[in-house]
Structures are given as C-alpha cells and as structure tokens.
PDB file of N, CA and C in Angstrom:
ATOM      1  N   MET A   1    -114.956-120.909  -5.650  1.00  0.00           N
ATOM      2  CA  MET A   1    -115.025-119.931  -6.708  1.00  0.00           C
ATOM      3  C   MET A   1    -115.790-118.710  -6.202  1.00  0.00           C
ATOM      4  N   LYS A   2    -115.272-117.529  -6.429  1.00  0.00           N
ATOM      5  CA  LYS A   2    -115.911-116.300  -5.970  1.00  0.00           C
ATOM      6  C   LYS A   2    -116.992-115.862  -6.956  1.00  0.00           C
ATOM      7  N   LYS A   3    -118.022-115.249  -6.387  1.00  0.00           N
ATOM      8  CA  LYS A   3    -119.079-114.704  -7.242  1.00  0.00           C
ATOM      9  C   LYS A   3    -118.661-113.328  -7.743  1.00  0.00           C
ATOM     10  N   LEU A   4    -119.044-113.003  -8.960  1.00  0.00           N
ATOM     11  CA  LEU A   4    -118.737-111.689  -9.503  1.00  0.00           C
ATOM     12  C   LEU A   4    -119.683-110.619  -8.967  1.00  0.00           C
ATOM     13  N   ILE A   5    -120.920-110.996  -8.654  1.00  0.00           N
ATOM     14  CA  ILE A   5    -121.912-110.054  -8.150  1.00  0.00           C
ATOM     15  C   ILE A   5    -122.198-110.397  -6.698  1.00  0.00           C
ATOM     16  N   PRO A   6    -121.872-109.501  -5.771  1.00  0.00           N
ATOM     17  CA  PRO A   6    -122.156-109.781  -4.368  1.00  0.00           C
ATOM     18  C   PRO A   6    -123.654-109.868  -4.116  1.00  0.00           C
ATOM     19  N   ALA A   7    -124.039-110.716  -3.189  1.00  0.00           N
ATOM     20  CA  ALA A   7    -125.457-110.927  -2.902  1.00  0.00           C
ATOM     21  C   ALA A   7    -126.078-109.765  -2.133  1.00  0.00           C
ATOM     22  N   ASN A   8    -125.271-108.937  -1.468  1.00  0.00           N
ATOM     23  CA  ASN A   8    -125.839-107.879  -0.643  1.00  0.00           C
ATOM     24  C   ASN A   8    -126.103-106.573  -1.393  1.00  0.00           C
ATOM     25  N   GLY A   9    -125.855-106.514  -2.634  1.00  0.00           N
ATOM     26  CA  GLY A   9    -126.174-105.336  -3.426  1.00  0.00           C
ATOM     27  C   GLY A   9    -125.095-104.268  -3.433  1.00  0.00           C
ATOM     28  N   THR A  10    -123.900-104.601  -3.002  1.00  0.00           N
ATOM     29  CA  THR A  10    -122.804-103.633  -2.967  1.00  0.00           C
ATOM     30  C   THR A  10    -122.457-103.140  -4.368  1.00  0.00           C
ATOM     31  N   LEU A  11    -122.484-104.039  -5.320  1.00  0.00           N
ATOM     32  CA  LEU A  11    -122.162-103.659  -6.691  1.00  0.00           C
ATOM     33  C   LEU A  11    -123.180-102.663  -7.235  1.00  0.00           C
ATOM     34  N   VAL A  12    -124.441-102.852  -6.908  1.00  0.00           N
ATOM     35  CA  VAL A  12    -125.487-101.940  -7.378  1.00  0.00           C
ATOM     36  C   VAL A  12    -125.267-100.546  -6.804  1.00  0.00           C
ATOM     37  N   ILE A  13    -124.915-100.483  -5.530  1.00  0.00           N
ATOM     38  CA  ILE A  13    -124.663 -99.183  -4.895  1.00  0.00           C
ATOM     39  C   ILE A  13    -123.447 -98.510  -5.526  1.00  0.00           C
ATOM     40  N   LEU A  14    -122.405 -99.272  -5.783  1.00  0.00           N
ATOM     41  CA  LEU A  14    -121.211 -98.699  -6.409  1.00  0.00           C
ATOM     42  C   LEU A  14    -121.491 -98.196  -7.816  1.00  0.00           C
ATOM     43  N   VAL A  15    -122.289 -98.930  -8.572  1.00  0.00           N
ATOM     44  CA  VAL A  15    -122.636 -98.498  -9.930  1.00  0.00           C
ATOM     45  C   VAL A  15    -123.480 -97.222  -9.893  1.00  0.00           C
ATOM     46  N   LEU A  16    -124.432 -97.158  -8.973  1.00  0.00           N
ATOM     47  CA  LEU A  16    -125.245 -95.945  -8.853  1.00  0.00           C
ATOM     48  C   LEU A  16    -124.408 -94.752  -8.423  1.00  0.00           C
ATOM     49  N   PHE A  17    -123.487 -94.960  -7.507  1.00  0.00           N
ATOM     50  CA  PHE A  17    -122.606 -93.883  -7.072  1.00  0.00           C
ATOM     51  C   PHE A  17    -121.725 -93.402  -8.219  1.00  0.00           C
ATOM     52  N   ALA A  18    -121.146 -94.322  -8.973  1.00  0.00           N
ATOM     53  CA  ALA A  18    -120.282 -93.957 -10.095  1.00  0.00           C
ATOM     54  C   ALA A  18    -121.075 -93.227 -11.182  1.00  0.00           C
ATOM     55  N   THR A  19    -122.293 -93.682 -11.446  1.00  0.00           N
ATOM     56  CA  THR A  19    -123.132 -93.030 -12.451  1.00  0.00           C
ATOM     57  C   THR A  19    -123.486 -91.605 -12.014  1.00  0.00           C
ATOM     58  N   THR A  20    -123.825 -91.440 -10.752  1.00  0.00           N
ATOM     59  CA  THR A  20    -124.139 -90.102 -10.236  1.00  0.00           C
ATOM     60  C   THR A  20    -122.926 -89.194 -10.317  1.00  0.00           C
ATOM     61  N   LEU A  21    -121.774 -89.702  -9.973  1.00  0.00           N
ATOM     62  CA  LEU A  21    -120.547 -88.918 -10.027  1.00  0.00           C
ATOM     63  C   LEU A  21    -120.214 -88.506 -11.458  1.00  0.00           C
ATOM     64  N   ILE A  22    -120.363 -89.416 -12.390  1.00  0.00           N
ATOM     65  CA  ILE A  22    -120.067 -89.109 -13.798  1.00  0.00           C
ATOM     66  C   ILE A  22    -121.052 -88.091 -14.348  1.00  0.00           C
ATOM     67  N   LEU A  23    -122.346 -88.280 -14.056  1.00  0.00           N
ATOM     68  CA  LEU A  23    -123.352 -87.347 -14.578  1.00  0.00           C
ATOM     69  C   LEU A  23    -123.261 -85.976 -13.933  1.00  0.00           C
ATOM     70  N   SER A  24    -122.874 -85.900 -12.671  1.00  0.00           N
ATOM     71  CA  SER A  24    -122.759 -84.592 -12.028  1.00  0.00           C
ATOM     72  C   SER A  24    -121.535 -83.833 -12.533  1.00  0.00           C
ATOM     73  N   GLY A  25    -120.556 -84.544 -13.072  1.00  0.00           N
ATOM     74  CA  GLY A  25    -119.399 -83.878 -13.652  1.00  0.00           C
ATOM     75  C   GLY A  25    -119.742 -83.167 -14.947  1.00  0.00           C
ATOM     76  N   CYS A  26    -120.840 -83.530 -15.574  1.00  0.00           N
ATOM     77  CA  CYS A  26    -121.257 -82.908 -16.828  1.00  0.00           C
ATOM     78  C   CYS A  26    -122.183 -81.722 -16.604  1.00  0.00           C
ATOM     79  N   SER A  27    -122.530 -81.433 -15.361  1.00  0.00           N
ATOM     80  CA  SER A  27    -123.495 -80.367 -15.107  1.00  0.00           C
ATOM     81  C   SER A  27    -122.871 -79.000 -15.360  1.00  0.00           C
ATOM     82  N   ASN A  28    -123.726 -78.057 -15.674  1.00  0.00           N
ATOM     83  CA  ASN A  28    -123.304 -76.700 -15.961  1.00  0.00           C
ATOM     84  C   ASN A  28    -123.471 -75.865 -14.695  1.00  0.00           C
ATOM     85  N   ASN A  29    -122.368 -75.357 -14.177  1.00  0.00           N
ATOM     86  CA  ASN A  29    -122.428 -74.510 -12.991  1.00  0.00           C
ATOM     87  C   ASN A  29    -122.717 -73.080 -13.421  1.00  0.00           C
ATOM     88  N   GLU A  30    -123.916 -72.616 -13.089  1.00  0.00           N
ATOM     89  CA  GLU A  30    -124.318 -71.282 -13.485  1.00  0.00           C
ATOM     90  C   GLU A  30    -124.200 -70.340 -12.310  1.00  0.00           C
ATOM     91  N   VAL A  31    -123.853 -69.107 -12.596  1.00  0.00           N
ATOM     92  CA  VAL A  31    -123.805 -68.070 -11.577  1.00  0.00           C
ATOM     93  C   VAL A  31    -125.198 -67.482 -11.467  1.00  0.00           C
ATOM     94  N   VAL A  32    -125.752 -67.504 -10.268  1.00  0.00           N
ATOM     95  CA  VAL A  32    -127.129 -67.060 -10.088  1.00  0.00           C
ATOM     96  C   VAL A  32    -127.220 -65.660  -9.496  1.00  0.00           C
ATOM     97  N   THR A  33    -126.096 -65.003  -9.293  1.00  0.00           N
ATOM     98  CA  THR A  33    -126.152 -63.663  -8.700  1.00  0.00           C
ATOM     99  C   THR A  33    -126.872 -62.674  -9.612  1.00  0.00           C
ATOM    100  N   GLU A  34    -126.836 -62.911 -10.910  1.00  0.00           N
ATOM    101  CA  GLU A  34    -127.563 -62.029 -11.827  1.00  0.00           C
ATOM    102  C   GLU A  34    -129.072 -62.189 -11.676  1.00  0.00           C
ATOM    103  N   CYS A  35    -129.517 -63.343 -11.208  1.00  0.00           N
ATOM    104  CA  CYS A  35    -130.946 -63.596 -11.036  1.00  0.00           C
ATOM    105  C   CYS A  35    -131.494 -62.979  -9.760  1.00  0.00           C
ATOM    106  N   LEU A  36    -130.628 -62.666  -8.812  1.00  0.00           N
ATOM    107  CA  LEU A  36    -131.070 -62.122  -7.531  1.00  0.00           C
ATOM    108  C   LEU A  36    -131.246 -60.622  -7.648  1.00  0.00           C
ATOM    109  N   LYS A  37    -132.438 -60.226  -7.992  1.00  0.00           N
ATOM    110  CA  LYS A  37    -132.750 -58.803  -8.134  1.00  0.00           C
ATOM    111  C   LYS A  37    -133.682 -58.390  -7.017  1.00  0.00           C
ATOM    112  N   GLY A  38    -133.571 -57.163  -6.601  1.00  0.00           N
ATOM    113  CA  GLY A  38    -134.410 -56.688  -5.512  1.00  0.00           C
ATOM    114  C   GLY A  38    -133.813 -57.074  -4.173  1.00  0.00           C
ATOM    115  N   GLN A  39    -134.668 -57.222  -3.183  1.00  0.00           N
ATOM    116  CA  GLN A  39    -134.211 -57.542  -1.840  1.00  0.00           C
ATOM    117  C   GLN A  39    -133.769 -58.995  -1.744  1.00  0.00           C
ATOM    118  N   THR A  40    -132.596 -59.210  -1.172  1.00  0.00           N
ATOM    119  CA  THR A  40    -132.119 -60.554  -0.893  1.00  0.00           C
ATOM    120  C   THR A  40    -132.373 -60.835   0.573  1.00  0.00           C
ATOM    121  N   TYR A  41    -133.051 -61.929   0.878  1.00  0.00           N
ATOM    122  CA  TYR A  41    -133.449 -62.239   2.242  1.00  0.00           C
ATOM    123  C   TYR A  41    -132.332 -62.956   2.978  1.00  0.00           C
ATOM    124  N   GLY A  42    -132.118 -62.566   4.243  1.00  0.00           N
ATOM    125  CA  GLY A  42    -131.050 -63.136   5.066  1.00  0.00           C
ATOM    126  C   GLY A  42    -131.603 -63.911   6.243  1.00  0.00           C
ATOM    127  N   PHE A  43    -130.813 -63.970   7.325  1.00  0.00           N
ATOM    128  CA  PHE A  43    -131.147 -64.771   8.492  1.00  0.00           C
ATOM    129  C   PHE A  43    -132.454 -64.337   9.138  1.00  0.00           C
ATOM    130  N   TRP A  44    -132.611 -63.044   9.390  1.00  0.00           N
ATOM    131  CA  TRP A  44    -133.807 -62.576  10.107  1.00  0.00           C
ATOM    132  C   TRP A  44    -135.073 -62.784   9.282  1.00  0.00           C
ATOM    133  N   SER A  45    -134.967 -62.602   7.981  1.00  0.00           N
ATOM    134  CA  SER A  45    -136.126 -62.883   7.124  1.00  0.00           C
ATOM    135  C   SER A  45    -136.434 -64.373   7.101  1.00  0.00           C
ATOM    136  N   GLY A  46    -135.395 -65.209   7.107  1.00  0.00           N
ATOM    137  CA  GLY A  46    -135.602 -66.646   7.161  1.00  0.00           C
ATOM    138  C   GLY A  46    -136.260 -67.071   8.458  1.00  0.00           C
ATOM    139  N   LEU A  47    -135.865 -66.437   9.566  1.00  0.00           N
ATOM    140  CA  LEU A  47    -136.483 -66.729  10.853  1.00  0.00           C
ATOM    141  C   LEU A  47    -137.964 -66.366  10.821  1.00  0.00           C
ATOM    142  N   TRP A  48    -138.275 -65.190  10.284  1.00  0.00           N
ATOM    143  CA  TRP A  48    -139.667 -64.760  10.185  1.00  0.00           C
ATOM    144  C   TRP A  48    -140.461 -65.674   9.255  1.00  0.00           C
ATOM    145  N   HIS A  49    -139.898 -66.024   8.119  1.00  0.00           N
ATOM    146  CA  HIS A  49    -140.600 -66.895   7.174  1.00  0.00           C
ATOM    147  C   HIS A  49    -140.819 -68.283   7.764  1.00  0.00           C
ATOM    148  N   GLY A  50    -139.904 -68.746   8.607  1.00  0.00           N
ATOM    149  CA  GLY A  50    -140.093 -70.028   9.281  1.00  0.00           C
ATOM    150  C   GLY A  50    -141.233 -69.981  10.282  1.00  0.00           C
ATOM    151  N   ILE A  51    -141.359 -68.846  10.976  1.00  0.00           N
ATOM    152  CA  ILE A  51    -142.430 -68.698  11.958  1.00  0.00           C
ATOM    153  C   ILE A  51    -143.799 -68.684  11.276  1.00  0.00           C
ATOM    154  N   ILE A  52    -143.894 -67.990  10.152  1.00  0.00           N
ATOM    155  CA  ILE A  52    -145.195 -67.876   9.474  1.00  0.00           C
ATOM    156  C   ILE A  52    -145.400 -68.934   8.392  1.00  0.00           C
ATOM    157  N   ALA A  53    -144.530 -69.948   8.339  1.00  0.00           N
ATOM    158  CA  ALA A  53    -144.633 -70.989   7.312  1.00  0.00           C
ATOM    159  C   ALA A  53    -145.968 -71.722   7.308  1.00  0.00           C
ATOM    160  N   PRO A  54    -146.557 -72.088   8.456  1.00  0.00           N
ATOM    161  CA  PRO A  54    -147.873 -72.754   8.386  1.00  0.00           C
ATOM    162  C   PRO A  54    -148.964 -71.871   7.778  1.00  0.00           C
ATOM    163  N   ILE A  55    -148.903 -70.589   8.055  1.00  0.00           N
ATOM    164  CA  ILE A  55    -149.885 -69.657   7.474  1.00  0.00           C
ATOM    165  C   ILE A  55    -149.665 -69.550   5.968  1.00  0.00           C
ATOM    166  N   ASP A  56    -148.394 -69.452   5.562  1.00  0.00           N
ATOM    167  CA  ASP A  56    -148.084 -69.379   4.131  1.00  0.00           C
ATOM    168  C   ASP A  56    -148.486 -70.656   3.402  1.00  0.00           C
ATOM    169  N   LEU A  57    -148.336 -71.789   4.060  1.00  0.00           N
ATOM    170  CA  LEU A  57    -148.711 -73.062   3.440  1.00  0.00           C
ATOM    171  C   LEU A  57    -150.197 -73.095   3.113  1.00  0.00           C
ATOM    172  N   ILE A  58    -151.011 -72.574   4.012  1.00  0.00           N
ATOM    173  CA  ILE A  58    -152.456 -72.514   3.765  1.00  0.00           C
ATOM    174  C   ILE A  58    -152.767 -71.462   2.705  1.00  0.00           C
ATOM    175  N   ALA A  59    -152.065 -70.323   2.755  1.00  0.00           N
ATOM    176  CA  ALA A  59    -152.312 -69.258   1.777  1.00  0.00           C
ATOM    177  C   ALA A  59    -151.913 -69.679   0.368  1.00  0.00           C
ATOM    178  N   MET A  60    -150.949 -70.587   0.250  1.00  0.00           N
ATOM    179  CA  MET A  60    -150.527 -71.055  -1.069  1.00  0.00           C
ATOM    180  C   MET A  60    -151.628 -71.793  -1.817  1.00  0.00           C
ATOM    181  N   LEU A  61    -152.598 -72.312  -1.093  1.00  0.00           N
ATOM    182  CA  LEU A  61    -153.686 -73.042  -1.742  1.00  0.00           C
ATOM    183  C   LEU A  61    -154.571 -72.128  -2.575  1.00  0.00           C
ATOM    184  N   TRP A  62    -154.654 -70.841  -2.174  1.00  0.00           N
ATOM    185  CA  TRP A  62    -155.554 -69.926  -2.868  1.00  0.00           C
ATOM    186  C   TRP A  62    -154.850 -68.832  -3.656  1.00  0.00           C
ATOM    187  N   ARG A  63    -153.587 -68.583  -3.372  1.00  0.00           N
ATOM    188  CA  ARG A  63    -152.890 -67.489  -4.054  1.00  0.00           C
ATOM    189  C   ARG A  63    -151.629 -68.010  -4.718  1.00  0.00           C
ATOM    190  N   ASP A  64    -151.354 -67.520  -5.915  1.00  0.00           N
ATOM    191  CA  ASP A  64    -150.161 -67.944  -6.639  1.00  0.00           C
ATOM    192  C   ASP A  64    -148.918 -67.136  -6.270  1.00  0.00           C
ATOM    193  N   ASP A  65    -149.095 -65.965  -5.665  1.00  0.00           N
ATOM    194  CA  ASP A  65    -147.954 -65.113  -5.358  1.00  0.00           C
ATOM    195  C   ASP A  65    -147.392 -65.336  -3.951  1.00  0.00           C
ATOM    196  N   VAL A  66    -147.855 -66.349  -3.244  1.00  0.00           N
ATOM    197  CA  VAL A  66    -147.375 -66.662  -1.894  1.00  0.00           C
ATOM    198  C   VAL A  66    -146.551 -67.938  -1.955  1.00  0.00           C
ATOM    199  N   SER A  67    -145.388 -67.905  -1.326  1.00  0.00           N
ATOM    200  CA  SER A  67    -144.567 -69.114  -1.230  1.00  0.00           C
ATOM    201  C   SER A  67    -144.056 -69.251   0.204  1.00  0.00           C
ATOM    202  N   VAL A  68    -143.755 -70.463   0.598  1.00  0.00           N
ATOM    203  CA  VAL A  68    -143.295 -70.717   1.961  1.00  0.00           C
ATOM    204  C   VAL A  68    -141.832 -70.313   2.112  1.00  0.00           C
ATOM    205  N   PHE A  69    -140.999 -70.625   1.143  1.00  0.00           N
ATOM    206  CA  PHE A  69    -139.565 -70.391   1.192  1.00  0.00           C
ATOM    207  C   PHE A  69    -139.226 -69.334   0.156  1.00  0.00           C
ATOM    208  N   ALA A  70    -138.581 -68.238   0.555  1.00  0.00           N
ATOM    209  CA  ALA A  70    -138.262 -67.154  -0.379  1.00  0.00           C
ATOM    210  C   ALA A  70    -137.202 -67.604  -1.379  1.00  0.00           C
ATOM    211  N   PRO A  71    -137.485 -67.523  -2.661  1.00  0.00           N
ATOM    212  CA  PRO A  71    -136.495 -67.951  -3.651  1.00  0.00           C
ATOM    213  C   PRO A  71    -135.318 -66.987  -3.758  1.00  0.00           C
ATOM    214  N   ASN A  72    -135.503 -65.738  -3.368  1.00  0.00           N
ATOM    215  CA  ASN A  72    -134.460 -64.728  -3.474  1.00  0.00           C
ATOM    216  C   ASN A  72    -133.758 -64.588  -2.124  1.00  0.00           C
ATOM    217  N   ASN A  73    -133.049 -65.647  -1.689  1.00  0.00           N
ATOM    218  CA  ASN A  73    -132.386 -65.631  -0.387  1.00  0.00           C
ATOM    219  C   ASN A  73    -130.881 -65.713  -0.557  1.00  0.00           C
ATOM    220  N   ASN A  74    -130.170 -65.487   0.560  1.00  0.00           N
ATOM    221  CA  ASN A  74    -128.708 -65.460   0.479  1.00  0.00           C
ATOM    222  C   ASN A  74    -128.056 -66.802   0.794  1.00  0.00           C
ATOM    223  N   GLY A  75    -128.828 -67.860   0.935  1.00  0.00           N
ATOM    224  CA  GLY A  75    -128.243 -69.184   1.083  1.00  0.00           C
ATOM    225  C   GLY A  75    -128.374 -69.770   2.466  1.00  0.00           C
ATOM    226  N   ILE A  76    -127.239 -70.178   3.024  1.00  0.00           N
ATOM    227  CA  ILE A  76    -127.236 -70.972   4.241  1.00  0.00           C
ATOM    228  C   ILE A  76    -127.783 -70.214   5.438  1.00  0.00           C
ATOM    229  N   TRP A  77    -127.549 -68.924   5.545  1.00  0.00           N
ATOM    230  CA  TRP A  77    -128.058 -68.183   6.711  1.00  0.00           C
ATOM    231  C   TRP A  77    -129.564 -68.038   6.653  1.00  0.00           C
ATOM    232  N   TYR A  78    -130.118 -67.859   5.463  1.00  0.00           N
ATOM    233  CA  TYR A  78    -131.575 -67.825   5.338  1.00  0.00           C
ATOM    234  C   TYR A  78    -132.158 -69.179   5.714  1.00  0.00           C
ATOM    235  N   ALA A  79    -131.551 -70.252   5.220  1.00  0.00           N
ATOM    236  CA  ALA A  79    -132.054 -71.597   5.515  1.00  0.00           C
ATOM    237  C   ALA A  79    -131.943 -71.914   7.003  1.00  0.00           C
ATOM    238  N   PHE A  80    -130.851 -71.486   7.651  1.00  0.00           N
ATOM    239  CA  PHE A  80    -130.688 -71.713   9.084  1.00  0.00           C
ATOM    240  C   PHE A  80    -131.754 -70.960   9.881  1.00  0.00           C
ATOM    241  N   GLY A  81    -132.023 -69.709   9.509  1.00  0.00           N
ATOM    242  CA  GLY A  81    -133.090 -68.949  10.161  1.00  0.00           C
ATOM    243  C   GLY A  81    -134.452 -69.572   9.934  1.00  0.00           C
ATOM    244  N   PHE A  82    -134.680 -70.089   8.735  1.00  0.00           N
ATOM    245  CA  PHE A  82    -135.954 -70.729   8.424  1.00  0.00           C
ATOM    246  C   PHE A  82    -136.160 -71.975   9.279  1.00  0.00           C
ATOM    247  N   VAL A  83    -135.107 -72.778   9.438  1.00  0.00           N
ATOM    248  CA  VAL A  83    -135.208 -73.995  10.252  1.00  0.00           C
ATOM    249  C   VAL A  83    -135.480 -73.640  11.710  1.00  0.00           C
ATOM    250  N   LEU A  84    -134.774 -72.646  12.236  1.00  0.00           N
ATOM    251  CA  LEU A  84    -135.013 -72.238  13.621  1.00  0.00           C
ATOM    252  C   LEU A  84    -136.412 -71.672  13.804  1.00  0.00           C
ATOM    253  N   GLY A  85    -136.870 -70.882  12.843  1.00  0.00           N
ATOM    254  CA  GLY A  85    -138.199 -70.291  12.938  1.00  0.00           C
ATOM    255  C   GLY A  85    -139.316 -71.295  12.800  1.00  0.00           C
ATOM    256  N   SER A  86    -139.080 -72.357  12.065  1.00  0.00           N
ATOM    257  CA  SER A  86    -140.120 -73.362  11.882  1.00  0.00           C
ATOM    258  C   SER A  86    -140.125 -74.416  12.980  1.00  0.00           C
ATOM    259  N   GLY A  87    -139.355 -74.211  14.001  1.00  0.00           N
ATOM    260  CA  GLY A  87    -139.352 -75.136  15.126  1.00  0.00           C
ATOM    261  C   GLY A  87    -138.015 -75.767  15.375  1.00  0.00           C
ATOM    262  N   GLY A  88    -137.068 -75.516  14.532  1.00  0.00           N
ATOM    263  CA  GLY A  88    -135.716 -76.002  14.727  1.00  0.00           C
ATOM    264  C   GLY A  88    -135.574 -77.503  14.711  1.00  0.00           C
ATOM    265  N   TRP A  89    -136.540 -78.207  14.160  1.00  0.00           N
ATOM    266  CA  TRP A  89    -136.503 -79.665  14.099  1.00  0.00           C
ATOM    267  C   TRP A  89    -136.306 -80.261  15.480  1.00  0.00           C
ATOM    268  N   GLY A  90    -136.860 -79.599  16.483  1.00  0.00           N
ATOM    269  CA  GLY A  90    -136.787 -80.127  17.839  1.00  0.00           C
ATOM    270  C   GLY A  90    -135.583 -79.678  18.628  1.00  0.00           C
ATOM    271  N   PHE A  91    -134.760 -78.774  18.074  1.00  0.00           N
ATOM    272  CA  PHE A  91    -133.597 -78.306  18.813  1.00  0.00           C
ATOM    273  C   PHE A  91    -134.004 -77.452  20.008  1.00  0.00           C
ATOM    274  N   LEU A  92    -135.038 -76.651  19.839  1.00  0.00           N
ATOM    275  CA  LEU A  92    -135.404 -75.708  20.890  1.00  0.00           C
ATOM    276  C   LEU A  92    -136.646 -76.119  21.656  1.00  0.00           C
ATOM    277  N   GLY A  93    -137.603 -76.701  21.001  1.00  0.00           N
ATOM    278  CA  GLY A  93    -138.868 -77.009  21.662  1.00  0.00           C
ATOM    279  C   GLY A  93    -138.943 -78.440  22.145  1.00  0.00           C
ATOM    280  N   GLY A  94    -139.836 -78.654  23.082  1.00  0.00           N
ATOM    281  CA  GLY A  94    -140.105 -79.997  23.551  1.00  0.00           C
ATOM    282  C   GLY A  94    -139.166 -80.515  24.620  1.00  0.00           C
ATOM    283  N   HIS A  95    -138.180 -79.720  25.031  1.00  0.00           N
ATOM    284  CA  HIS A  95    -137.240 -80.195  26.044  1.00  0.00           C
ATOM    285  C   HIS A  95    -137.926 -80.358  27.396  1.00  0.00           C
ATOM    286  N   GLY A  96    -138.761 -79.419  27.757  1.00  0.00           N
ATOM    287  CA  GLY A  96    -139.461 -79.509  29.036  1.00  0.00           C
ATOM    288  C   GLY A  96    -140.563 -80.547  29.029  1.00  0.00           C
ATOM    289  N   ALA A  97    -141.113 -80.842  27.889  1.00  0.00           N
ATOM    290  CA  ALA A  97    -142.202 -81.809  27.803  1.00  0.00           C
ATOM    291  C   ALA A  97    -141.712 -83.236  27.989  1.00  0.00           C
ATOM    292  N   SER A  98    -140.433 -83.477  27.791  1.00  0.00           N
ATOM    293  CA  SER A  98    -139.924 -84.833  27.917  1.00  0.00           C
ATOM    294  C   SER A  98    -139.572 -85.210  29.354  1.00  0.00           C
ATOM    295  N   ARG A  99    -139.526 -84.248  30.229  1.00  0.00           N
ATOM    296  CA  ARG A  99    -139.207 -84.537  31.632  1.00  0.00           C
ATOM    297  C   ARG A  99    -140.409 -85.155  32.344  1.00  0.00           C
ATOM    298  N   THR A 100    -140.140 -86.025  33.231  1.00  0.00           N
ATOM    299  CA  THR A 100    -141.194 -86.595  34.061  1.00  0.00           C
ATOM    300  C   THR A 100    -141.150 -85.911  35.408  1.00  0.00           C
ATOM    301  N   TYR A 101    -142.270 -85.413  35.832  1.00  0.00           N
ATOM    302  CA  TYR A 101    -142.338 -84.695  37.103  1.00  0.00           C
ATOM    303  C   TYR A 101    -142.955 -85.600  38.144  1.00  0.00           C
ATOM    304  N   ARG A 102    -142.352 -85.585  39.307  1.00  0.00           N
ATOM    305  CA  ARG A 102    -142.866 -86.369  40.422  1.00  0.00           C
ATOM    306  C   ARG A 102    -143.758 -85.512  41.294  1.00  0.00           C
ATOM    307  N   LYS A 103    -144.768 -86.130  41.814  1.00  0.00           N
ATOM    308  CA  LYS A 103    -145.624 -85.430  42.774  1.00  0.00           C
ATOM    309  C   LYS A 103    -144.895 -85.407  44.107  1.00  0.00           C
ATOM    310  N   ARG A 104    -144.941 -84.291  44.757  1.00  0.00           N
ATOM    311  CA  ARG A 104    -144.270 -84.189  46.060  1.00  0.00           C
ATOM    312  C   ARG A 104    -145.236 -84.315  47.176  1.00  0.00           C
TER     313      ARG A 104
END
C-alpha cells in the first residue's frame, strides 16, 4: 500500500510552492516610474556606492539621511555596478592570493 504523504517532505515543498504561486498571482503590479523623481542612479553611481558601502554602513549608525543602496536607481545596471564596486563577490579580488608560490 502506498503512503499518501511522502516521508522526504516533497508534499510540503509542493504545497509551499503552490501557495506562493497562488498568492503572488494576487499581487498588485505597480508602476514605480512616477516615484523616481530627481536623479536616477545608473551603473557608475552603483559602482561608486559599492566602493564606499563600508563607509556608508558606519555613517548609517549616526545619520538618518545616509543609505548604503540608493533607492532611486535604474535597476539591474545599478545593482551590477554596486556588486562590482563592493568586491564583486570574489569575481575580481583574491585570485592572486590563492596561488601558491614556490621558493626558487
């Protein structure tokens, strides 16, 4: 006789996935272009904000008008610049440090 509920939790994952799918279908898709007033930050601003992110993180403790990530950005290019500026998650740095050098 087969069990109705699998022991590995597959049914739980399927129910959670179906619930998420159903609830996300009810969400209201709002256009946010009206909210973007003033300067919209792009790739180069994201790169700069990524570089100064540790300084901004410390400044956020004392000032309310400082944020690490600019809310008025243009999307994926700002985020890509921010990731590269903040260290690129290891894409650019640390390559030379992993090599082992032999004494000659």
